[in-house]
Amino acid sequence: MATFNELWQLLYDHGSTSYYKHDCAQLWESLTPTNQQALFDRLSERLQKHQYVAYNPLDAMRDNLPRRAMVRTQTLSYNEYYSLYRTTTPKDGWQMQKDANGKVFYSKTAQP
């Protein structure tokens, strides 16, 4: 598991100054251990590949934070759902709903 001191040394060696060290430490502490490791790994990889990493350490950290998974809602009309499943009974995580006009549709929430 990466520590803040390891991350800081990585950024400092890249050309950062100590001006933002306190702010970076606060950001680091606000992350989960999994996200801390992911951030360290991403920055290490980008620097090894000579890809762009901001010299401002706070910007470098913010730019490379792990992205949050976006919740995605799929919808099917009544006819689309029926032609797919040959039933109107909700299954496989689909839920039957009605819009403001009383028209039936099916929705399913999924993460990528």
Protein backbone atom coordinates (compact mmCIF):
# COMPACT_ATOMS: atom_id res chain seq x y z
CA MET A 1 0.00 0.00 0.00
CA ALA A 2 1.39 3.37 -1.00
CA THR A 3 1.93 6.06 1.62
CA PHE A 4 1.64 9.80 1.30
CA ASN A 5 5.41 10.17 1.68
CA GLU A 6 5.97 7.88 -1.30
CA LEU A 7 3.47 9.84 -3.37
CA TRP A 8 4.98 13.13 -2.28
CA GLN A 9 8.50 11.99 -3.19
CA LEU A 10 7.22 10.93 -6.62
CA LEU A 11 5.68 14.36 -7.21
CA TYR A 12 8.62 16.22 -5.69
CA ASP A 13 11.07 14.39 -7.94
CA HIS A 14 8.89 15.40 -10.89
CA GLY A 15 9.51 19.06 -10.09
CA SER A 16 6.85 20.00 -7.56
CA THR A 17 7.55 22.38 -4.71
CA SER A 18 6.66 21.98 -1.04
CA TYR A 19 4.15 24.85 -1.20
CA TYR A 20 1.13 22.53 -1.63
CA LYS A 21 2.32 19.66 0.58
CA HIS A 22 -0.24 20.30 3.33
CA ASP A 23 -3.14 20.54 0.86
CA CYS A 24 -1.99 17.38 -0.90
CA ALA A 25 -1.79 15.55 2.43
CA GLN A 26 -5.37 16.57 3.22
CA LEU A 27 -6.57 15.35 -0.18
CA TRP A 28 -4.66 12.09 0.30
CA GLU A 29 -6.25 11.51 3.72
CA SER A 30 -9.73 12.08 2.30
CA LEU A 31 -9.31 9.13 -0.10
CA THR A 32 -10.03 5.51 0.64
CA PRO A 33 -6.99 3.20 0.76
CA THR A 34 -8.06 1.70 -2.58
CA ASN A 35 -8.27 5.13 -4.21
CA GLN A 36 -4.94 6.14 -2.66
CA GLN A 37 -3.25 3.14 -4.25
CA ALA A 38 -5.00 3.75 -7.58
CA LEU A 39 -3.84 7.38 -7.57
CA PHE A 40 -0.26 6.41 -6.76
CA ASP A 41 -0.24 3.72 -9.45
CA ARG A 42 -1.68 6.05 -12.09
CA LEU A 43 0.80 8.83 -11.37
CA SER A 44 3.72 6.37 -11.31
CA GLU A 45 2.66 4.88 -14.61
CA ARG A 46 2.20 8.25 -16.32
CA LEU A 47 5.58 9.49 -15.14
CA GLN A 48 7.34 6.29 -16.23
CA LYS A 49 5.76 6.60 -19.68
CA HIS A 50 6.77 10.29 -19.83
CA GLN A 51 3.14 11.35 -20.17
CA TYR A 52 1.88 14.74 -19.01
CA VAL A 53 1.57 15.23 -15.25
CA ALA A 54 1.02 18.73 -13.88
CA TYR A 55 3.95 20.24 -11.97
CA ASN A 56 1.52 21.62 -9.40
CA PRO A 57 1.16 18.57 -7.13
CA LEU A 58 -2.42 19.37 -6.15
CA ASP A 59 -3.46 19.59 -9.81
CA ALA A 60 -1.54 16.39 -10.55
CA MET A 61 -3.45 14.57 -7.83
CA ARG A 62 -6.85 15.96 -8.84
CA ASP A 63 -6.27 15.20 -12.53
CA ASN A 64 -5.42 11.57 -11.80
CA LEU A 65 -7.98 10.65 -9.17
CA PRO A 66 -9.88 7.45 -9.95
CA ARG A 67 -13.10 8.23 -11.75
CA ARG A 68 -16.35 7.39 -10.08
CA ALA A 69 -18.52 4.82 -11.76
CA MET A 70 -21.52 6.47 -13.31
CA VAL A 71 -24.88 4.88 -12.66
CA ARG A 72 -26.65 4.30 -15.93
CA THR A 73 -30.38 3.76 -16.31
CA GLN A 74 -31.60 1.84 -19.33
CA THR A 75 -35.18 2.15 -20.49
CA LEU A 76 -37.33 0.13 -22.81
CA SER A 77 -40.81 0.92 -24.01
CA TYR A 78 -43.60 -1.55 -23.31
CA ASN A 79 -43.38 -2.90 -26.87
CA GLU A 80 -39.57 -3.18 -26.82
CA TYR A 81 -39.65 -5.05 -23.52
CA TYR A 82 -42.38 -7.41 -24.72
CA SER A 83 -40.60 -8.18 -27.99
CA LEU A 84 -37.38 -8.90 -26.06
CA TYR A 85 -38.81 -11.08 -23.25
CA ARG A 86 -42.21 -12.16 -24.67
CA THR A 87 -43.81 -11.28 -21.34
CA THR A 88 -44.80 -8.19 -19.40
CA THR A 89 -43.56 -9.59 -16.09
CA PRO A 90 -40.47 -7.72 -14.87
CA LYS A 91 -37.34 -9.88 -14.73
CA ASP A 92 -33.54 -9.66 -14.97
CA GLY A 93 -33.53 -6.46 -12.89
CA TRP A 94 -36.08 -4.59 -15.01
CA GLN A 95 -38.85 -2.65 -13.26
CA MET A 96 -42.21 -1.66 -14.69
CA GLN A 97 -42.99 2.06 -14.32
CA LYS A 98 -45.42 4.64 -15.63
CA ASP A 99 -44.56 8.08 -16.95
CA ALA A 100 -46.56 11.26 -16.24
CA ASN A 101 -49.04 10.37 -19.00
CA GLY A 102 -49.66 6.87 -17.63
CA LYS A 103 -47.65 5.17 -20.37
CA VAL A 104 -45.87 1.99 -19.20
CA PHE A 105 -42.12 1.59 -19.67
CA TYR A 106 -39.42 -0.58 -18.16
CA SER A 107 -36.21 0.65 -16.56
CA LYS A 108 -33.06 -1.00 -15.28
CA THR A 109 -30.23 0.61 -13.33
CA ALA A 110 -26.74 -0.67 -14.08
CA GLN A 111 -23.16 0.37 -13.43
CA PRO A 112 -20.63 0.14 -16.24
